[in-house]
Amino acid sequence: MHKAMKEVSQRIYELGIVPVVKLERPQDALPLGEALCRGGLPVAEITFRTDAAEESIRTLSQKLPELLVGAGTVHSAAQAETALAAGAKFIVTPGFNEKVVRLCRDRGVPIYPGCSGASDLERALDLGLDEVKFFPAEASGGLKTLKSLFAPYQGVRFMPTGGITTENMNDYLRCPQILAVGGSWMVKESLIAAGNFAEVERQTREAVETMHGFTLRHVGINCQNEAEALETAGQFAKAFGWTVRDAGGGVFAGAAVEAVKTPYLGRLGHLAVAANNVDRARAYLAAKGFSFREETAQYDKAGRLRLIYLQEELGGFAVH
C-alpha cells in the first residue's frame, strides 16, 4: 500500500467513526466541519448526492486543513477525478466500481469500495485492496455476516456503513478487523438544514465519548514496601469488606484500590483508566495535547497496545 494511503487509513482507524455527510448548500460545509472538529471527530465523508459536494470538499480542504475530508457515494471515475481535484483525501463508493478503484489505486489515493459479500471481496483482493466499505451493513446481516467473512478474509479490514448508531457501533468496533464505522446520525440533514451546528457538535462529542468508553478502573497508591502495601490494602478491606489479592507488584483491595509495593510513577500513585481501544484512546488524547511515556507501553499477543502511561501527572497521579 502506498505510504499516503497507509497514513490516511491509520488516521481513519484512530478516529474510529467516519461521519457520512449530505450537504445541500456549500455554505454549510465550513460550520459543519468546525462542529465535527470541536466534537472531537475531525473527519468527514462528503457524499456526491447533491450538487454541493464539489464546492463543499474544496471549502473544507482549503479552510479547515485539520479535517480529513473525503468523498462518498462516488459512482464514476469522472466523479472521483472531480473530488480529488477539489481536495478529497479518500474516496468511498457504495458498490464495487472497478474503474474508480483502478483510478484511485494508480493515484495512490485510499479507496474504500462498497462490498456486501464474498464476490465483491474477491474482486477487491484481485485489485490489491485489503480495506473495504461493508455496505449496507445492517441490511446485509450486520455483524453476523461480517463474522462469517472474517475467517476466509483474515487480511481484510472493513468499514461498516448503513444502520450504524451510537447504540451498536461498539459492537462493530470491538472486532479487530473493523477499520472504522461510517454513519450519519450525528450529522442529520435536519440539523444541518436548521443550522443547528451546536447540536451536531454535541452529538459528535457524545458519539466519540461512547466509542472510547473511558472509565476509572482503579487507584494505585504508592507504598514504600510490601508490608506497607499489605497494611494499606488491609485497611480498605476492613472498612468496606473487599477481598485482598496479591497481584505481584501490588496488593489489591477489591478491584478499585491497588497498594503498590514499591513507589512507581506519580507523586501520589497512579490512576488506571480503561478504554475500549487503547490505540484510539492514545490518538484522541494526543490530539488534545497529551504525550506518553513510550517506555511504559505494553502490548498483547496480537501486537495491539494494551497499556501506556501519560507523560503528564494529573492531580499528583500518573495515569495509564
C-alpha atoms as a PDB file:
ATOM      1  CA  MET A   1       0.000   0.000   0.000  1.00  0.00           C
ATOM      2  CA  HIS A   2       1.215   3.491  -0.878  1.00  0.00           C
ATOM      3  CA  LYS A   3       2.569   5.470   2.123  1.00  0.00           C
ATOM      4  CA  ALA A   4      -0.071   8.192   1.791  1.00  0.00           C
ATOM      5  CA  MET A   5      -2.806   5.545   1.672  1.00  0.00           C
ATOM      6  CA  LYS A   6      -1.461   3.943   4.847  1.00  0.00           C
ATOM      7  CA  GLU A   7      -1.382   7.287   6.640  1.00  0.00           C
ATOM      8  CA  VAL A   8      -4.998   8.088   5.755  1.00  0.00           C
ATOM      9  CA  SER A   9      -6.207   4.609   6.714  1.00  0.00           C
ATOM     10  CA  GLN A  10      -4.332   4.782  10.001  1.00  0.00           C
ATOM     11  CA  ARG A  11      -5.946   8.125  10.772  1.00  0.00           C
ATOM     12  CA  ILE A  12      -9.394   6.746   9.943  1.00  0.00           C
ATOM     13  CA  TYR A  13      -8.702   3.750  12.201  1.00  0.00           C
ATOM     14  CA  GLU A  14      -7.634   6.036  15.061  1.00  0.00           C
ATOM     15  CA  LEU A  15     -10.712   8.235  14.703  1.00  0.00           C
ATOM     16  CA  GLY A  16     -12.973   5.184  14.586  1.00  0.00           C
ATOM     17  CA  ILE A  17     -16.064   6.929  13.181  1.00  0.00           C
ATOM     18  CA  VAL A  18     -16.470   8.500   9.743  1.00  0.00           C
ATOM     19  CA  PRO A  19     -19.408  10.949   9.553  1.00  0.00           C
ATOM     20  CA  VAL A  20     -21.242  10.491   6.248  1.00  0.00           C
ATOM     21  CA  VAL A  21     -22.444  13.963   5.274  1.00  0.00           C
ATOM     22  CA  LYS A  22     -25.034  15.124   2.751  1.00  0.00           C
ATOM     23  CA  LEU A  23     -24.854  18.875   2.128  1.00  0.00           C
ATOM     24  CA  GLU A  24     -27.456  20.775   0.135  1.00  0.00           C
ATOM     25  CA  ARG A  25     -25.693  24.139   0.498  1.00  0.00           C
ATOM     26  CA  PRO A  26     -21.930  24.714   0.157  1.00  0.00           C
ATOM     27  CA  GLN A  27     -22.090  27.459   2.790  1.00  0.00           C
ATOM     28  CA  ASP A  28     -22.929  24.822   5.395  1.00  0.00           C
ATOM     29  CA  ALA A  29     -19.646  22.985   4.818  1.00  0.00           C
ATOM     30  CA  LEU A  30     -17.372  25.093   6.999  1.00  0.00           C
ATOM     31  CA  PRO A  31     -19.618  25.358  10.100  1.00  0.00           C
ATOM     32  CA  LEU A  32     -20.334  21.629   9.787  1.00  0.00           C
ATOM     33  CA  GLY A  33     -16.621  20.791   9.627  1.00  0.00           C
ATOM     34  CA  GLU A  34     -15.876  23.083  12.561  1.00  0.00           C
ATOM     35  CA  ALA A  35     -18.603  21.391  14.632  1.00  0.00           C
ATOM     36  CA  LEU A  36     -17.094  17.974  13.890  1.00  0.00           C
ATOM     37  CA  CYS A  37     -13.644  19.177  14.921  1.00  0.00           C
ATOM     38  CA  ARG A  38     -14.926  20.740  18.146  1.00  0.00           C
ATOM     39  CA  GLY A  39     -16.752  17.492  18.894  1.00  0.00           C
ATOM     40  CA  GLY A  40     -13.503  15.539  18.610  1.00  0.00           C
ATOM     41  CA  LEU A  41     -14.079  13.923  15.216  1.00  0.00           C
ATOM     42  CA  PRO A  42     -12.050  15.760  12.534  1.00  0.00           C
ATOM     43  CA  VAL A  43     -13.124  13.662   9.537  1.00  0.00           C
ATOM     44  CA  ALA A  44     -15.983  13.853   7.033  1.00  0.00           C
ATOM     45  CA  GLU A  45     -17.125  11.859   4.028  1.00  0.00           C
ATOM     46  CA  ILE A  46     -18.931  14.388   1.825  1.00  0.00           C
ATOM     47  CA  THR A  47     -21.333  12.459  -0.392  1.00  0.00           C
ATOM     48  CA  PHE A  48     -21.909  13.192  -4.071  1.00  0.00           C
ATOM     49  CA  ARG A  49     -25.680  13.049  -3.586  1.00  0.00           C
ATOM     50  CA  THR A  50     -26.053  16.764  -4.260  1.00  0.00           C
ATOM     51  CA  ASP A  51     -24.509  19.415  -6.478  1.00  0.00           C
ATOM     52  CA  ALA A  52     -22.926  20.995  -3.408  1.00  0.00           C
ATOM     53  CA  ALA A  53     -20.384  18.183  -2.911  1.00  0.00           C
ATOM     54  CA  GLU A  54     -17.515  19.531  -5.023  1.00  0.00           C
ATOM     55  CA  GLU A  55     -17.556  23.047  -3.614  1.00  0.00           C
ATOM     56  CA  SER A  56     -18.025  21.722  -0.063  1.00  0.00           C
ATOM     57  CA  ILE A  57     -14.973  19.475  -0.363  1.00  0.00           C
ATOM     58  CA  ARG A  58     -12.925  22.354  -1.776  1.00  0.00           C
ATOM     59  CA  THR A  59     -14.001  24.684   1.035  1.00  0.00           C
ATOM     60  CA  LEU A  60     -13.167  22.198   3.758  1.00  0.00           C
ATOM     61  CA  SER A  61      -9.831  21.243   2.195  1.00  0.00           C
ATOM     62  CA  GLN A  62      -8.727  24.851   1.896  1.00  0.00           C
ATOM     63  CA  LYS A  63     -10.145  26.392   5.067  1.00  0.00           C
ATOM     64  CA  LEU A  64     -10.046  23.511   7.545  1.00  0.00           C
ATOM     65  CA  PRO A  65      -6.807  21.567   6.936  1.00  0.00           C
ATOM     66  CA  GLU A  66      -7.072  19.737  10.266  1.00  0.00           C
ATOM     67  CA  LEU A  67     -10.184  17.975   8.936  1.00  0.00           C
ATOM     68  CA  LEU A  68      -9.619  14.770   6.963  1.00  0.00           C
ATOM     69  CA  VAL A  69     -12.115  15.183   4.142  1.00  0.00           C
ATOM     70  CA  GLY A  70     -13.120  12.501   1.670  1.00  0.00           C
ATOM     71  CA  ALA A  71     -15.765  11.968  -0.978  1.00  0.00           C
ATOM     72  CA  GLY A  72     -18.549   9.395  -0.724  1.00  0.00           C
ATOM     73  CA  THR A  73     -21.258   7.988  -2.989  1.00  0.00           C
ATOM     74  CA  VAL A  74     -18.807   8.211  -5.881  1.00  0.00           C
ATOM     75  CA  HIS A  75     -20.279   6.429  -8.909  1.00  0.00           C
ATOM     76  CA  SER A  76     -17.753   7.092 -11.665  1.00  0.00           C
ATOM     77  CA  ALA A  77     -14.126   7.799 -12.421  1.00  0.00           C
ATOM     78  CA  ALA A  78     -15.163  11.294 -13.518  1.00  0.00           C
ATOM     79  CA  GLN A  79     -16.707  11.985 -10.118  1.00  0.00           C
ATOM     80  CA  ALA A  80     -13.573  10.647  -8.447  1.00  0.00           C
ATOM     81  CA  GLU A  81     -11.445  12.982 -10.566  1.00  0.00           C
ATOM     82  CA  THR A  82     -13.657  15.922  -9.562  1.00  0.00           C
ATOM     83  CA  ALA A  83     -13.450  15.007  -5.875  1.00  0.00           C
ATOM     84  CA  LEU A  84      -9.670  14.627  -5.932  1.00  0.00           C
ATOM     85  CA  ALA A  85      -9.215  17.918  -7.777  1.00  0.00           C
ATOM     86  CA  ALA A  86     -11.329  19.581  -5.063  1.00  0.00           C
ATOM     87  CA  GLY A  87      -9.047  18.214  -2.350  1.00  0.00           C
ATOM     88  CA  ALA A  88     -10.597  14.907  -1.220  1.00  0.00           C
ATOM     89  CA  LYS A  89      -8.066  12.713   0.568  1.00  0.00           C
ATOM     90  CA  PHE A  90     -10.018   9.454   0.205  1.00  0.00           C
ATOM     91  CA  ILE A  91     -12.830   8.039  -1.916  1.00  0.00           C
ATOM     92  CA  VAL A  92     -15.759   5.857  -0.875  1.00  0.00           C
ATOM     93  CA  THR A  93     -18.139   4.081  -3.259  1.00  0.00           C
ATOM     94  CA  PRO A  94     -21.495   2.455  -2.430  1.00  0.00           C
ATOM     95  CA  GLY A  95     -20.750  -0.560  -4.645  1.00  0.00           C
ATOM     96  CA  PHE A  96     -17.720  -2.094  -6.301  1.00  0.00           C
ATOM     97  CA  ASN A  97     -16.775   0.150  -9.225  1.00  0.00           C
ATOM     98  CA  GLU A  98     -13.637  -1.213 -10.848  1.00  0.00           C
ATOM     99  CA  LYS A  99     -12.892   1.963 -12.836  1.00  0.00           C
ATOM    100  CA  VAL A 100     -12.935   4.076  -9.677  1.00  0.00           C
ATOM    101  CA  VAL A 101     -10.816   1.531  -7.824  1.00  0.00           C
ATOM    102  CA  ARG A 102      -8.199   1.442 -10.580  1.00  0.00           C
ATOM    103  CA  LEU A 103      -8.049   5.234 -10.828  1.00  0.00           C
ATOM    104  CA  CYS A 104      -7.538   5.661  -7.087  1.00  0.00           C
ATOM    105  CA  ARG A 105      -5.064   2.798  -6.881  1.00  0.00           C
ATOM    106  CA  ASP A 106      -2.990   4.287  -9.701  1.00  0.00           C
ATOM    107  CA  ARG A 107      -3.053   7.707  -7.999  1.00  0.00           C
ATOM    108  CA  GLY A 108      -2.099   6.289  -4.594  1.00  0.00           C
ATOM    109  CA  VAL A 109      -5.386   7.520  -3.109  1.00  0.00           C
ATOM    110  CA  PRO A 110      -7.233   5.473  -0.455  1.00  0.00           C
ATOM    111  CA  ILE A 111     -10.371   3.905  -1.930  1.00  0.00           C
ATOM    112  CA  TYR A 112     -12.984   2.082   0.146  1.00  0.00           C
ATOM    113  CA  PRO A 113     -15.338   0.358  -2.299  1.00  0.00           C
ATOM    114  CA  GLY A 114     -18.706  -0.911  -1.129  1.00  0.00           C
ATOM    115  CA  CYS A 115     -18.696  -4.677  -0.657  1.00  0.00           C
ATOM    116  CA  SER A 116     -21.517  -6.807   0.701  1.00  0.00           C
ATOM    117  CA  GLY A 117     -20.267 -10.341   0.142  1.00  0.00           C
ATOM    118  CA  ALA A 118     -17.516 -12.720  -0.894  1.00  0.00           C
ATOM    119  CA  SER A 119     -17.694 -11.994  -4.631  1.00  0.00           C
ATOM    120  CA  ASP A 120     -17.041  -8.297  -4.067  1.00  0.00           C
ATOM    121  CA  LEU A 121     -14.184  -9.120  -1.708  1.00  0.00           C
ATOM    122  CA  GLU A 122     -12.568 -11.406  -4.284  1.00  0.00           C
ATOM    123  CA  ARG A 123     -12.597  -8.540  -6.775  1.00  0.00           C
ATOM    124  CA  ALA A 124     -11.117  -6.192  -4.179  1.00  0.00           C
ATOM    125  CA  LEU A 125      -8.300  -8.598  -3.376  1.00  0.00           C
ATOM    126  CA  ASP A 126      -7.620  -9.146  -7.075  1.00  0.00           C
ATOM    127  CA  LEU A 127      -7.072  -5.396  -7.429  1.00  0.00           C
ATOM    128  CA  GLY A 128      -4.757  -5.239  -4.430  1.00  0.00           C
ATOM    129  CA  LEU A 129      -7.142  -3.853  -1.812  1.00  0.00           C
ATOM    130  CA  ASP A 130      -7.310  -5.059   1.772  1.00  0.00           C
ATOM    131  CA  GLU A 131      -9.654  -2.386   3.186  1.00  0.00           C
ATOM    132  CA  VAL A 132     -13.260  -2.026   2.037  1.00  0.00           C
ATOM    133  CA  LYS A 133     -16.582  -0.499   2.985  1.00  0.00           C
ATOM    134  CA  PHE A 134     -19.195  -3.037   4.133  1.00  0.00           C
ATOM    135  CA  PHE A 135     -22.473  -1.648   2.832  1.00  0.00           C
ATOM    136  CA  PRO A 136     -25.322  -1.655   3.615  1.00  0.00           C
ATOM    137  CA  ALA A 137     -24.108  -3.072   6.916  1.00  0.00           C
ATOM    138  CA  GLU A 138     -27.229  -3.784   8.951  1.00  0.00           C
ATOM    139  CA  ALA A 139     -29.369  -4.629   5.909  1.00  0.00           C
ATOM    140  CA  SER A 140     -26.684  -7.106   4.778  1.00  0.00           C
ATOM    141  CA  GLY A 141     -26.781  -9.042   8.024  1.00  0.00           C
ATOM    142  CA  GLY A 142     -24.624  -6.831  10.207  1.00  0.00           C
ATOM    143  CA  LEU A 143     -22.093  -8.449  12.480  1.00  0.00           C
ATOM    144  CA  LYS A 144     -23.420 -11.942  11.803  1.00  0.00           C
ATOM    145  CA  THR A 145     -22.500 -11.606   8.132  1.00  0.00           C
ATOM    146  CA  LEU A 146     -19.228  -9.858   8.861  1.00  0.00           C
ATOM    147  CA  LYS A 147     -18.083 -12.523  11.293  1.00  0.00           C
ATOM    148  CA  SER A 148     -18.710 -15.160   8.635  1.00  0.00           C
ATOM    149  CA  LEU A 149     -16.366 -13.187   6.353  1.00  0.00           C
ATOM    150  CA  PHE A 150     -13.592 -12.575   8.882  1.00  0.00           C
ATOM    151  CA  ALA A 151     -12.177 -16.109   8.765  1.00  0.00           C
ATOM    152  CA  PRO A 152     -11.805 -16.576   4.972  1.00  0.00           C
ATOM    153  CA  TYR A 153     -10.713 -12.919   4.601  1.00  0.00           C
ATOM    154  CA  GLN A 154      -8.438 -12.529   7.617  1.00  0.00           C
ATOM    155  CA  GLY A 155      -6.268  -9.905   5.943  1.00  0.00           C
ATOM    156  CA  VAL A 156      -9.161  -7.579   5.111  1.00  0.00           C
ATOM    157  CA  ARG A 157     -10.360  -4.669   7.255  1.00  0.00           C
ATOM    158  CA  PHE A 158     -13.928  -3.436   6.946  1.00  0.00           C
ATOM    159  CA  MET A 159     -15.694  -0.088   7.357  1.00  0.00           C
ATOM    160  CA  PRO A 160     -19.358  -0.958   8.063  1.00  0.00           C
ATOM    161  CA  THR A 161     -21.786   1.762   6.982  1.00  0.00           C
ATOM    162  CA  GLY A 162     -25.578   1.736   6.899  1.00  0.00           C
ATOM    163  CA  GLY A 163     -27.665   1.374  10.031  1.00  0.00           C
ATOM    164  CA  ILE A 164     -24.782   2.185  12.383  1.00  0.00           C
ATOM    165  CA  THR A 165     -25.771   4.142  15.503  1.00  0.00           C
ATOM    166  CA  THR A 166     -24.358   5.133  18.877  1.00  0.00           C
ATOM    167  CA  GLU A 167     -26.109   2.081  20.303  1.00  0.00           C
ATOM    168  CA  ASN A 168     -24.488  -0.552  18.062  1.00  0.00           C
ATOM    169  CA  MET A 169     -21.205   0.978  16.872  1.00  0.00           C
ATOM    170  CA  ASN A 170     -19.086  -0.527  19.665  1.00  0.00           C
ATOM    171  CA  ASP A 171     -20.371  -3.999  18.780  1.00  0.00           C
ATOM    172  CA  TYR A 172     -18.595  -3.481  15.462  1.00  0.00           C
ATOM    173  CA  LEU A 173     -15.576  -1.552  16.711  1.00  0.00           C
ATOM    174  CA  ARG A 174     -14.500  -4.177  19.219  1.00  0.00           C
ATOM    175  CA  CYS A 175     -13.779  -6.554  16.309  1.00  0.00           C
ATOM    176  CA  PRO A 176     -10.071  -6.357  15.305  1.00  0.00           C
ATOM    177  CA  GLN A 177     -10.888  -6.465  11.569  1.00  0.00           C
ATOM    178  CA  ILE A 178     -13.005  -3.302  11.725  1.00  0.00           C
ATOM    179  CA  LEU A 179     -11.177  -0.258  10.370  1.00  0.00           C
ATOM    180  CA  ALA A 180     -13.882   2.204  11.467  1.00  0.00           C
ATOM    181  CA  VAL A 181     -17.636   2.649  11.187  1.00  0.00           C
ATOM    182  CA  GLY A 182     -19.475   5.120   8.983  1.00  0.00           C
ATOM    183  CA  GLY A 183     -22.677   6.856   9.971  1.00  0.00           C
ATOM    184  CA  SER A 184     -24.773   9.972   9.648  1.00  0.00           C
ATOM    185  CA  TRP A 185     -26.660  10.068  12.952  1.00  0.00           C
ATOM    186  CA  MET A 186     -24.573  12.974  14.290  1.00  0.00           C
ATOM    187  CA  VAL A 187     -24.848  14.931  11.007  1.00  0.00           C
ATOM    188  CA  LYS A 188     -28.562  14.591  10.294  1.00  0.00           C
ATOM    189  CA  GLU A 189     -29.868  16.561   7.312  1.00  0.00           C
ATOM    190  CA  SER A 190     -32.474  18.239   9.538  1.00  0.00           C
ATOM    191  CA  LEU A 191     -29.799  19.615  11.883  1.00  0.00           C
ATOM    192  CA  ILE A 192     -27.720  20.951   9.005  1.00  0.00           C
ATOM    193  CA  ALA A 193     -30.759  22.483   7.285  1.00  0.00           C
ATOM    194  CA  ALA A 194     -31.692  24.251  10.530  1.00  0.00           C
ATOM    195  CA  GLY A 195     -28.128  25.484  11.044  1.00  0.00           C
ATOM    196  CA  ASN A 196     -28.072  23.713  14.398  1.00  0.00           C
ATOM    197  CA  PHE A 197     -24.352  23.028  14.431  1.00  0.00           C
ATOM    198  CA  ALA A 198     -24.239  23.196  18.229  1.00  0.00           C
ATOM    199  CA  GLU A 199     -26.351  20.027  18.274  1.00  0.00           C
ATOM    200  CA  VAL A 200     -24.096  18.448  15.646  1.00  0.00           C
ATOM    201  CA  GLU A 201     -21.156  19.172  17.946  1.00  0.00           C
ATOM    202  CA  ARG A 202     -22.979  17.740  20.977  1.00  0.00           C
ATOM    203  CA  GLN A 203     -23.985  14.543  19.216  1.00  0.00           C
ATOM    204  CA  THR A 204     -20.499  14.170  17.764  1.00  0.00           C
ATOM    205  CA  ARG A 205     -18.924  14.509  21.196  1.00  0.00           C
ATOM    206  CA  GLU A 206     -21.417  12.001  22.593  1.00  0.00           C
ATOM    207  CA  ALA A 207     -20.500   9.527  19.849  1.00  0.00           C
ATOM    208  CA  VAL A 208     -16.767   9.972  20.491  1.00  0.00           C
ATOM    209  CA  GLU A 209     -17.156   9.548  24.248  1.00  0.00           C
ATOM    210  CA  THR A 210     -19.297   6.442  23.758  1.00  0.00           C
ATOM    211  CA  MET A 211     -16.743   4.976  21.388  1.00  0.00           C
ATOM    212  CA  HIS A 212     -13.880   5.439  23.850  1.00  0.00           C
ATOM    213  CA  GLY A 213     -15.834   4.410  26.934  1.00  0.00           C
ATOM    214  CA  PHE A 214     -13.354   5.944  29.375  1.00  0.00           C
ATOM    215  CA  THR A 215     -13.886   4.630  32.924  1.00  0.00           C
ATOM    216  CA  LEU A 216     -11.770   4.730  36.067  1.00  0.00           C
ATOM    217  CA  ARG A 217     -10.598   1.159  36.649  1.00  0.00           C
ATOM    218  CA  HIS A 218      -8.604   1.531  39.850  1.00  0.00           C
ATOM    219  CA  VAL A 219      -6.495   3.858  42.013  1.00  0.00           C
ATOM    220  CA  GLY A 220      -2.890   2.907  42.714  1.00  0.00           C
ATOM    221  CA  ILE A 221      -1.365   4.097  45.995  1.00  0.00           C
ATOM    222  CA  ASN A 222       2.425   4.243  46.228  1.00  0.00           C
ATOM    223  CA  CYS A 223       3.742   2.411  49.286  1.00  0.00           C
ATOM    224  CA  GLN A 224       7.339   2.116  50.471  1.00  0.00           C
ATOM    225  CA  ASN A 225       7.458  -1.663  50.751  1.00  0.00           C
ATOM    226  CA  GLU A 226       5.412  -4.851  50.701  1.00  0.00           C
ATOM    227  CA  ALA A 227       4.481  -4.653  54.372  1.00  0.00           C
ATOM    228  CA  GLU A 228       3.033  -1.165  53.954  1.00  0.00           C
ATOM    229  CA  ALA A 229       1.169  -2.280  50.823  1.00  0.00           C
ATOM    230  CA  LEU A 230      -0.391  -5.231  52.676  1.00  0.00           C
ATOM    231  CA  GLU A 231      -1.375  -2.975  55.581  1.00  0.00           C
ATOM    232  CA  THR A 232      -2.900  -0.340  53.278  1.00  0.00           C
ATOM    233  CA  ALA A 233      -4.913  -2.876  51.288  1.00  0.00           C
ATOM    234  CA  GLY A 234      -5.987  -4.492  54.543  1.00  0.00           C
ATOM    235  CA  GLN A 235      -7.356  -1.209  55.863  1.00  0.00           C
ATOM    236  CA  PHE A 236      -9.559  -0.775  52.780  1.00  0.00           C
ATOM    237  CA  ALA A 237     -10.668  -4.398  53.060  1.00  0.00           C
ATOM    238  CA  LYS A 238     -11.562  -3.974  56.740  1.00  0.00           C
ATOM    239  CA  ALA A 239     -13.540  -0.803  56.062  1.00  0.00           C
ATOM    240  CA  PHE A 240     -15.508  -1.958  53.023  1.00  0.00           C
ATOM    241  CA  GLY A 241     -15.441  -5.750  53.106  1.00  0.00           C
ATOM    242  CA  TRP A 242     -13.290  -6.020  49.982  1.00  0.00           C
ATOM    243  CA  THR A 243     -11.132  -9.066  49.272  1.00  0.00           C
ATOM    244  CA  VAL A 244      -7.353  -8.677  49.464  1.00  0.00           C
ATOM    245  CA  ARG A 245      -5.422 -10.069  46.488  1.00  0.00           C
ATOM    246  CA  ASP A 246      -1.651 -10.038  45.967  1.00  0.00           C
ATOM    247  CA  ALA A 247      -1.015  -9.233  42.290  1.00  0.00           C
ATOM    248  CA  GLY A 248       2.783  -9.324  42.408  1.00  0.00           C
ATOM    249  CA  GLY A 249       3.791  -5.683  42.112  1.00  0.00           C
ATOM    250  CA  GLY A 250       0.840  -4.513  44.176  1.00  0.00           C
ATOM    251  CA  VAL A 251      -1.846  -5.660  46.586  1.00  0.00           C
ATOM    252  CA  PHE A 252      -5.460  -5.089  45.567  1.00  0.00           C
ATOM    253  CA  ALA A 253      -8.358  -4.402  47.897  1.00  0.00           C
ATOM    254  CA  GLY A 254     -11.287  -5.417  45.742  1.00  0.00           C
ATOM    255  CA  ALA A 255     -10.912  -4.115  42.205  1.00  0.00           C
ATOM    256  CA  ALA A 256     -10.795  -0.390  42.935  1.00  0.00           C
ATOM    257  CA  VAL A 257      -7.658   0.057  45.061  1.00  0.00           C
ATOM    258  CA  GLU A 258      -4.123  -1.141  44.420  1.00  0.00           C
ATOM    259  CA  ALA A 259      -1.413  -0.618  47.050  1.00  0.00           C
ATOM    260  CA  VAL A 260       1.851  -0.632  45.087  1.00  0.00           C
ATOM    261  CA  LYS A 261       4.728  -2.389  46.900  1.00  0.00           C
ATOM    262  CA  THR A 262       7.444  -0.054  45.598  1.00  0.00           C
ATOM    263  CA  PRO A 263       6.910   3.618  44.685  1.00  0.00           C
ATOM    264  CA  TYR A 264       6.442   3.948  40.928  1.00  0.00           C
ATOM    265  CA  LEU A 265       5.256   6.762  38.704  1.00  0.00           C
ATOM    266  CA  GLY A 266       3.207   9.586  40.157  1.00  0.00           C
ATOM    267  CA  ARG A 267       3.805  11.646  43.282  1.00  0.00           C
ATOM    268  CA  LEU A 268       0.762  10.092  44.945  1.00  0.00           C
ATOM    269  CA  GLY A 269       0.398   6.967  42.839  1.00  0.00           C
ATOM    270  CA  HIS A 270      -1.445   6.194  39.624  1.00  0.00           C
ATOM    271  CA  LEU A 271      -4.911   6.040  38.095  1.00  0.00           C
ATOM    272  CA  ALA A 272      -5.836   3.230  35.726  1.00  0.00           C
ATOM    273  CA  VAL A 273      -8.356   4.381  33.128  1.00  0.00           C
ATOM    274  CA  ALA A 274      -9.986   1.778  30.893  1.00  0.00           C
ATOM    275  CA  ALA A 275     -10.826   2.458  27.247  1.00  0.00           C
ATOM    276  CA  ASN A 276     -12.493   0.332  24.597  1.00  0.00           C
ATOM    277  CA  ASN A 277      -9.454   0.629  22.304  1.00  0.00           C
ATOM    278  CA  VAL A 278      -6.135   1.888  23.660  1.00  0.00           C
ATOM    279  CA  ASP A 279      -4.744   2.816  20.229  1.00  0.00           C
ATOM    280  CA  ARG A 280      -7.741   5.038  19.514  1.00  0.00           C
ATOM    281  CA  ALA A 281      -7.650   6.474  23.040  1.00  0.00           C
ATOM    282  CA  ARG A 282      -3.985   7.334  22.635  1.00  0.00           C
ATOM    283  CA  ALA A 283      -4.593   9.160  19.341  1.00  0.00           C
ATOM    284  CA  TYR A 284      -7.548  11.022  20.867  1.00  0.00           C
ATOM    285  CA  LEU A 285      -5.514  12.199  23.862  1.00  0.00           C
ATOM    286  CA  ALA A 286      -2.530  13.111  21.677  1.00  0.00           C
ATOM    287  CA  ALA A 287      -4.838  15.380  19.671  1.00  0.00           C
ATOM    288  CA  LYS A 288      -5.702  17.084  22.966  1.00  0.00           C
ATOM    289  CA  GLY A 289      -2.019  17.803  23.610  1.00  0.00           C
ATOM    290  CA  PHE A 290      -1.077  14.941  25.910  1.00  0.00           C
ATOM    291  CA  SER A 291       2.159  12.997  25.460  1.00  0.00           C
ATOM    292  CA  PHE A 292       3.161   9.496  26.541  1.00  0.00           C
ATOM    293  CA  ARG A 293       5.936   7.556  28.262  1.00  0.00           C
ATOM    294  CA  GLU A 294       6.899   5.224  25.438  1.00  0.00           C
ATOM    295  CA  GLU A 295       8.997   3.015  27.716  1.00  0.00           C
ATOM    296  CA  THR A 296       5.842   2.015  29.634  1.00  0.00           C
ATOM    297  CA  ALA A 297       3.960   0.678  26.602  1.00  0.00           C
ATOM    298  CA  GLN A 298       2.682  -2.899  26.874  1.00  0.00           C
ATOM    299  CA  TYR A 299       1.216  -4.952  24.009  1.00  0.00           C
ATOM    300  CA  ASP A 300      -0.996  -8.016  23.782  1.00  0.00           C
ATOM    301  CA  LYS A 301      -0.122 -11.197  21.876  1.00  0.00           C
ATOM    302  CA  ALA A 302      -1.566  -9.762  18.663  1.00  0.00           C
ATOM    303  CA  GLY A 303       0.708  -6.725  18.930  1.00  0.00           C
ATOM    304  CA  ARG A 304      -2.059  -4.308  19.953  1.00  0.00           C
ATOM    305  CA  LEU A 305      -1.326  -1.638  22.535  1.00  0.00           C
ATOM    306  CA  ARG A 306      -2.923  -2.557  25.849  1.00  0.00           C
ATOM    307  CA  LEU A 307      -1.368  -0.075  28.319  1.00  0.00           C
ATOM    308  CA  ILE A 308       0.693   3.107  28.281  1.00  0.00           C
ATOM    309  CA  TYR A 309       1.280   5.942  30.771  1.00  0.00           C
ATOM    310  CA  LEU A 310       0.695   9.606  30.093  1.00  0.00           C
ATOM    311  CA  GLN A 311       3.794  11.759  30.385  1.00  0.00           C
ATOM    312  CA  GLU A 312       1.830  14.243  32.476  1.00  0.00           C
ATOM    313  CA  GLU A 313       0.616  13.741  36.049  1.00  0.00           C
ATOM    314  CA  LEU A 314      -2.995  14.685  36.799  1.00  0.00           C
ATOM    315  CA  GLY A 315      -3.618  15.906  40.328  1.00  0.00           C
ATOM    316  CA  GLY A 316      -0.413  14.274  41.512  1.00  0.00           C
ATOM    317  CA  PHE A 317      -1.260  10.932  39.904  1.00  0.00           C
ATOM    318  CA  ALA A 318       0.356   9.204  36.966  1.00  0.00           C
ATOM    319  CA  VAL A 319      -2.287   7.875  34.552  1.00  0.00           C
ATOM    320  CA  HIS A 320      -2.250   4.751  32.391  1.00  0.00           C
END
